């Protein structure tokens, strides 16, 4: 399974971005898809995930600001990020797994999100 992210960039605090992750195939291998991030000096952490049944999980610090959505027909997930803060600055990775949210089997290459004035 190949995952390709897009949509990162530089945005001012309070701004918005939408990330997109497209999977190369539709299968049970990508039942769980999610977004993860790794900021400078930090470990990679879960941001949000959604399974094929529509159950979503969010990191507490992004609840109410970020929304994950999924288009199963396109094997694609999105991360809508609003009210961005400098602390959201990180490389954002897409991950997919047959059932795990944490430490998924498949990873994208990552896309940089920088929140700065």
N, C-alpha and C. Protein backbone atom coordinates (compact mmCIF):
# COMPACT_ATOMS: atom_id res chain seq x y z
N UNK A 1 0.85 -1.19 0.00
CA UNK A 1 0.00 0.00 0.00
C UNK A 1 0.89 1.24 0.00
N UNK A 2 0.65 2.12 -0.93
CA UNK A 2 1.36 3.40 -0.96
C UNK A 2 0.41 4.52 -0.56
N UNK A 3 0.92 5.42 0.26
CA UNK A 3 0.14 6.56 0.73
C UNK A 3 0.85 7.83 0.28
N UNK A 4 0.11 8.74 -0.31
CA UNK A 4 0.70 9.99 -0.81
C UNK A 4 -0.06 11.17 -0.20
N UNK A 5 0.69 11.99 0.56
CA UNK A 5 0.10 13.15 1.20
C UNK A 5 0.32 14.40 0.34
N UNK A 6 -0.56 15.36 0.51
CA UNK A 6 -0.39 16.67 -0.11
C UNK A 6 -1.14 17.70 0.72
N UNK A 7 -0.83 18.98 0.48
CA UNK A 7 -1.59 20.05 1.11
C UNK A 7 -0.89 20.80 2.21
N UNK A 8 0.33 20.42 2.56
CA UNK A 8 1.03 21.17 3.59
C UNK A 8 1.49 22.53 3.09
N UNK A 9 2.08 23.30 4.00
CA UNK A 9 2.58 24.61 3.61
C UNK A 9 2.76 25.52 4.80
N UNK A 10 2.96 26.79 4.50
CA UNK A 10 3.14 27.82 5.52
C UNK A 10 1.83 28.58 5.70
N UNK A 11 1.41 28.73 6.94
CA UNK A 11 0.16 29.44 7.22
C UNK A 11 0.35 30.28 8.48
N UNK A 12 -0.35 31.38 8.55
CA UNK A 12 -0.27 32.24 9.73
C UNK A 12 -1.11 31.67 10.87
N UNK A 13 -0.77 31.99 12.10
CA UNK A 13 -1.60 31.55 13.23
C UNK A 13 -3.05 31.96 13.03
N UNK A 14 -3.95 31.04 13.34
CA UNK A 14 -5.38 31.29 13.12
C UNK A 14 -5.87 30.86 11.76
N UNK A 15 -4.96 30.52 10.88
CA UNK A 15 -5.33 30.13 9.53
C UNK A 15 -5.76 28.68 9.41
N UNK A 16 -6.02 28.27 8.17
CA UNK A 16 -6.53 26.93 7.90
C UNK A 16 -5.74 26.26 6.79
N UNK A 17 -5.71 24.94 6.83
CA UNK A 17 -5.13 24.13 5.77
C UNK A 17 -5.94 22.84 5.67
N UNK A 18 -5.89 22.23 4.49
CA UNK A 18 -6.47 20.90 4.33
C UNK A 18 -5.41 19.97 3.78
N UNK A 19 -5.18 18.88 4.48
CA UNK A 19 -4.26 17.84 4.02
C UNK A 19 -5.05 16.72 3.36
N UNK A 20 -4.44 16.11 2.36
CA UNK A 20 -5.05 15.00 1.64
C UNK A 20 -4.09 13.82 1.61
N UNK A 21 -4.62 12.63 1.78
CA UNK A 21 -3.82 11.40 1.69
C UNK A 21 -4.57 10.42 0.81
N UNK A 22 -3.93 10.02 -0.27
CA UNK A 22 -4.54 9.06 -1.19
C UNK A 22 -3.82 7.73 -1.09
N UNK A 23 -4.58 6.66 -0.92
CA UNK A 23 -4.01 5.31 -0.86
C UNK A 23 -4.05 4.68 -2.24
N UNK A 24 -3.07 3.81 -2.49
CA UNK A 24 -2.94 3.21 -3.82
C UNK A 24 -3.92 2.08 -4.06
N UNK A 25 -4.57 1.60 -3.00
CA UNK A 25 -5.51 0.50 -3.18
C UNK A 25 -6.60 0.56 -2.14
N UNK A 26 -7.66 -0.12 -2.46
CA UNK A 26 -8.78 -0.24 -1.54
C UNK A 26 -8.79 -1.67 -1.03
N UNK A 27 -8.55 -1.85 0.24
CA UNK A 27 -8.51 -3.20 0.79
C UNK A 27 -8.64 -3.14 2.30
N UNK A 28 -8.71 -4.31 2.88
CA UNK A 28 -8.77 -4.37 4.35
C UNK A 28 -7.49 -3.82 4.97
N UNK A 29 -6.44 -3.70 4.18
CA UNK A 29 -5.16 -3.18 4.71
C UNK A 29 -5.26 -1.74 5.18
N UNK A 30 -6.25 -1.04 4.67
CA UNK A 30 -6.38 0.38 5.02
C UNK A 30 -7.69 0.64 5.76
N UNK A 31 -8.16 -0.34 6.51
CA UNK A 31 -9.40 -0.16 7.24
C UNK A 31 -9.30 1.03 8.20
N UNK A 32 -8.16 1.16 8.85
CA UNK A 32 -7.91 2.33 9.70
C UNK A 32 -6.93 3.24 8.98
N UNK A 33 -7.30 4.50 8.85
CA UNK A 33 -6.41 5.50 8.26
C UNK A 33 -6.37 6.69 9.19
N UNK A 34 -5.20 7.31 9.27
CA UNK A 34 -5.08 8.41 10.20
C UNK A 34 -3.98 9.38 9.85
N UNK A 35 -3.94 10.43 10.61
CA UNK A 35 -2.92 11.47 10.50
C UNK A 35 -2.08 11.50 11.77
N UNK A 36 -0.80 11.64 11.59
CA UNK A 36 0.16 11.67 12.67
C UNK A 36 1.10 12.83 12.41
N UNK A 37 1.78 13.30 13.44
CA UNK A 37 2.71 14.41 13.22
C UNK A 37 3.92 14.27 14.11
N UNK A 38 5.00 14.86 13.63
CA UNK A 38 6.24 14.87 14.40
C UNK A 38 6.82 16.27 14.33
N UNK A 39 6.79 16.95 15.48
CA UNK A 39 7.36 18.28 15.56
C UNK A 39 8.82 18.22 15.91
N UNK A 40 9.52 19.34 15.81
CA UNK A 40 10.95 19.39 16.12
C UNK A 40 11.25 18.89 17.53
N UNK A 41 12.09 17.89 17.63
CA UNK A 41 12.48 17.36 18.92
C UNK A 41 11.45 16.48 19.61
N UNK A 42 10.37 16.19 18.91
CA UNK A 42 9.29 15.39 19.51
C UNK A 42 9.15 14.03 18.83
N UNK A 43 8.49 13.14 19.52
CA UNK A 43 8.17 11.85 18.92
C UNK A 43 6.93 12.00 18.04
N UNK A 44 6.78 11.07 17.11
CA UNK A 44 5.59 11.08 16.27
C UNK A 44 4.36 10.78 17.13
N UNK A 45 3.27 11.51 16.90
CA UNK A 45 2.08 11.36 17.71
C UNK A 45 0.84 11.30 16.83
N UNK A 46 -0.17 10.64 17.34
CA UNK A 46 -1.45 10.56 16.64
C UNK A 46 -2.15 11.91 16.68
N UNK A 47 -2.68 12.33 15.55
CA UNK A 47 -3.49 13.55 15.49
C UNK A 47 -4.97 13.17 15.40
N UNK A 48 -5.31 12.34 14.43
CA UNK A 48 -6.70 11.91 14.24
C UNK A 48 -6.72 10.66 13.39
N UNK A 49 -7.70 9.81 13.61
CA UNK A 49 -7.82 8.59 12.82
C UNK A 49 -9.30 8.25 12.63
N UNK A 50 -9.57 7.55 11.55
CA UNK A 50 -10.94 7.12 11.27
C UNK A 50 -10.89 5.71 10.70
N UNK A 51 -11.79 4.84 11.17
CA UNK A 51 -11.81 3.51 10.60
C UNK A 51 -12.88 3.42 9.51
N UNK A 52 -12.93 2.28 8.85
CA UNK A 52 -13.85 2.12 7.73
C UNK A 52 -15.30 2.19 8.11
N UNK A 53 -15.59 2.05 9.41
CA UNK A 53 -16.96 2.16 9.88
C UNK A 53 -17.35 3.57 10.29
N UNK A 54 -16.40 4.50 10.20
CA UNK A 54 -16.69 5.90 10.50
C UNK A 54 -16.38 6.34 11.92
N UNK A 55 -15.80 5.46 12.72
CA UNK A 55 -15.41 5.85 14.07
C UNK A 55 -14.15 6.70 14.03
N UNK A 56 -14.19 7.83 14.70
CA UNK A 56 -13.08 8.78 14.69
C UNK A 56 -12.46 8.94 16.06
N UNK A 57 -11.17 9.17 16.06
CA UNK A 57 -10.43 9.48 17.28
C UNK A 57 -9.60 10.72 17.03
N UNK A 58 -9.54 11.58 18.03
CA UNK A 58 -8.78 12.83 17.93
C UNK A 58 -7.85 13.00 19.12
N UNK A 59 -6.72 13.62 18.86
CA UNK A 59 -5.86 14.08 19.92
C UNK A 59 -6.59 15.21 20.64
N UNK A 60 -6.48 15.24 21.95
CA UNK A 60 -7.22 16.24 22.73
C UNK A 60 -6.90 17.66 22.28
N UNK A 61 -5.65 17.93 21.99
CA UNK A 61 -5.23 19.31 21.69
C UNK A 61 -5.77 19.82 20.35
N UNK A 62 -6.30 18.93 19.51
CA UNK A 62 -6.82 19.38 18.22
C UNK A 62 -8.34 19.27 18.15
N UNK A 63 -8.94 18.71 19.17
CA UNK A 63 -10.41 18.55 19.18
C UNK A 63 -11.08 19.91 19.06
N UNK A 64 -12.03 20.00 18.14
CA UNK A 64 -12.73 21.26 17.91
C UNK A 64 -12.06 22.14 16.87
N UNK A 65 -10.82 21.84 16.54
CA UNK A 65 -10.10 22.63 15.52
C UNK A 65 -9.85 21.82 14.26
N UNK A 66 -9.56 20.54 14.40
CA UNK A 66 -9.26 19.67 13.27
C UNK A 66 -10.41 18.69 13.05
N UNK A 67 -10.64 18.36 11.79
CA UNK A 67 -11.65 17.36 11.44
C UNK A 67 -11.07 16.40 10.42
N UNK A 68 -11.18 15.11 10.72
CA UNK A 68 -10.76 14.10 9.77
C UNK A 68 -11.99 13.62 9.01
N UNK A 69 -11.80 13.38 7.73
CA UNK A 69 -12.90 12.84 6.94
C UNK A 69 -12.33 11.83 5.95
N UNK A 70 -13.22 11.00 5.43
CA UNK A 70 -12.76 9.88 4.62
C UNK A 70 -13.71 9.69 3.43
N UNK A 71 -13.13 9.47 2.27
CA UNK A 71 -13.90 9.13 1.07
C UNK A 71 -13.48 7.74 0.65
N UNK A 72 -14.24 6.74 1.04
CA UNK A 72 -13.86 5.35 0.76
C UNK A 72 -13.86 5.05 -0.74
N UNK A 73 -14.69 5.72 -1.49
CA UNK A 73 -14.72 5.50 -2.94
C UNK A 73 -13.42 5.92 -3.60
N UNK A 74 -12.74 6.88 -2.99
CA UNK A 74 -11.48 7.39 -3.55
C UNK A 74 -10.27 6.90 -2.77
N UNK A 75 -10.48 6.07 -1.75
CA UNK A 75 -9.37 5.61 -0.89
C UNK A 75 -8.58 6.80 -0.36
N UNK A 76 -9.26 7.82 0.07
CA UNK A 76 -8.63 9.08 0.44
C UNK A 76 -9.14 9.55 1.80
N UNK A 77 -8.24 10.10 2.59
CA UNK A 77 -8.63 10.78 3.81
C UNK A 77 -8.14 12.22 3.77
N UNK A 78 -8.83 13.04 4.55
CA UNK A 78 -8.52 14.45 4.61
C UNK A 78 -8.35 14.87 6.07
N UNK A 79 -7.58 15.92 6.26
CA UNK A 79 -7.51 16.54 7.58
C UNK A 79 -7.74 18.03 7.39
N UNK A 80 -8.87 18.49 7.87
CA UNK A 80 -9.21 19.90 7.80
C UNK A 80 -8.72 20.54 9.09
N UNK A 81 -7.80 21.48 8.97
CA UNK A 81 -7.20 22.10 10.14
C UNK A 81 -7.58 23.57 10.19
N UNK A 82 -8.23 23.96 11.26
CA UNK A 82 -8.63 25.36 11.47
C UNK A 82 -7.98 25.89 12.72
N UNK A 83 -7.98 27.20 12.86
CA UNK A 83 -7.42 27.86 14.05
C UNK A 83 -6.03 27.33 14.38
N UNK A 84 -5.20 27.27 13.37
CA UNK A 84 -3.87 26.69 13.55
C UNK A 84 -3.02 27.53 14.49
N UNK A 85 -2.20 26.83 15.26
CA UNK A 85 -1.32 27.45 16.23
C UNK A 85 0.13 27.11 15.90
N UNK A 86 1.07 27.92 16.37
CA UNK A 86 2.49 27.58 16.14
C UNK A 86 2.84 26.17 16.64
N UNK A 87 2.21 25.72 17.72
CA UNK A 87 2.48 24.37 18.24
C UNK A 87 2.04 23.27 17.30
N UNK A 88 1.24 23.60 16.29
CA UNK A 88 0.83 22.60 15.30
C UNK A 88 1.91 22.38 14.23
N UNK A 89 2.96 23.19 14.27
CA UNK A 89 4.04 23.04 13.30
C UNK A 89 4.68 21.66 13.43
N UNK A 90 4.72 20.93 12.32
CA UNK A 90 5.25 19.57 12.33
C UNK A 90 5.24 19.01 10.91
N UNK A 91 5.89 17.87 10.77
CA UNK A 91 5.69 17.08 9.56
C UNK A 91 4.49 16.17 9.83
N UNK A 92 3.52 16.23 8.95
CA UNK A 92 2.31 15.44 9.10
C UNK A 92 2.39 14.22 8.19
N UNK A 93 2.13 13.07 8.78
CA UNK A 93 2.20 11.81 8.06
C UNK A 93 0.84 11.15 8.00
N UNK A 94 0.57 10.51 6.90
CA UNK A 94 -0.61 9.67 6.77
C UNK A 94 -0.20 8.24 7.11
N UNK A 95 -1.06 7.54 7.84
CA UNK A 95 -0.79 6.15 8.18
C UNK A 95 -2.02 5.29 7.93
N UNK A 96 -1.81 4.01 7.66
CA UNK A 96 -2.91 3.09 7.43
C UNK A 96 -2.57 1.72 7.97
N UNK A 97 -3.60 1.00 8.41
CA UNK A 97 -3.39 -0.31 9.01
C UNK A 97 -4.69 -1.09 8.94
N UNK A 98 -4.60 -2.41 8.94
CA UNK A 98 -5.84 -3.22 8.96
C UNK A 98 -6.69 -2.99 10.20
N UNK A 99 -6.05 -2.70 11.36
CA UNK A 99 -6.86 -2.51 12.56
C UNK A 99 -6.22 -1.60 13.61
N UNK A 100 -4.92 -1.36 13.54
CA UNK A 100 -4.26 -0.56 14.57
C UNK A 100 -4.37 0.93 14.28
N UNK A 101 -4.62 1.71 15.33
CA UNK A 101 -4.52 3.16 15.20
C UNK A 101 -3.09 3.60 15.46
N UNK A 102 -2.51 3.07 16.52
CA UNK A 102 -1.14 3.44 16.87
C UNK A 102 -0.17 2.54 16.12
N UNK A 103 0.93 3.12 15.69
CA UNK A 103 1.96 2.39 14.96
C UNK A 103 1.39 1.63 13.76
N UNK A 104 0.80 2.34 12.80
CA UNK A 104 0.24 1.66 11.63
C UNK A 104 1.32 1.03 10.77
N UNK A 105 0.89 0.07 9.93
CA UNK A 105 1.84 -0.68 9.11
C UNK A 105 2.37 0.13 7.93
N UNK A 106 1.54 1.04 7.42
CA UNK A 106 1.90 1.77 6.21
C UNK A 106 1.98 3.27 6.51
N UNK A 107 2.97 3.90 5.90
CA UNK A 107 3.21 5.33 6.11
C UNK A 107 3.40 6.06 4.78
N UNK A 108 2.95 7.31 4.77
CA UNK A 108 3.28 8.18 3.65
C UNK A 108 4.62 8.86 3.91
N UNK A 109 5.02 9.70 2.98
CA UNK A 109 6.33 10.34 3.07
C UNK A 109 6.32 11.58 3.95
N UNK A 110 5.16 12.10 4.27
CA UNK A 110 5.06 13.26 5.14
C UNK A 110 4.94 14.57 4.36
N UNK A 111 4.27 15.53 4.97
CA UNK A 111 4.15 16.86 4.40
C UNK A 111 4.33 17.89 5.51
N UNK A 112 5.11 18.91 5.24
CA UNK A 112 5.44 19.90 6.26
C UNK A 112 4.32 20.91 6.42
N UNK A 113 3.94 21.15 7.67
CA UNK A 113 3.00 22.22 8.02
C UNK A 113 3.73 23.16 8.96
N UNK A 114 3.82 24.42 8.57
CA UNK A 114 4.48 25.43 9.39
C UNK A 114 3.50 26.54 9.69
N UNK A 115 3.30 26.80 10.98
CA UNK A 115 2.39 27.86 11.42
C UNK A 115 3.25 28.97 12.02
N UNK A 116 3.31 30.07 11.32
CA UNK A 116 4.18 31.16 11.75
C UNK A 116 3.72 32.46 11.13
N UNK A 117 3.94 33.54 11.88
CA UNK A 117 3.63 34.86 11.33
C UNK A 117 4.86 35.47 10.67
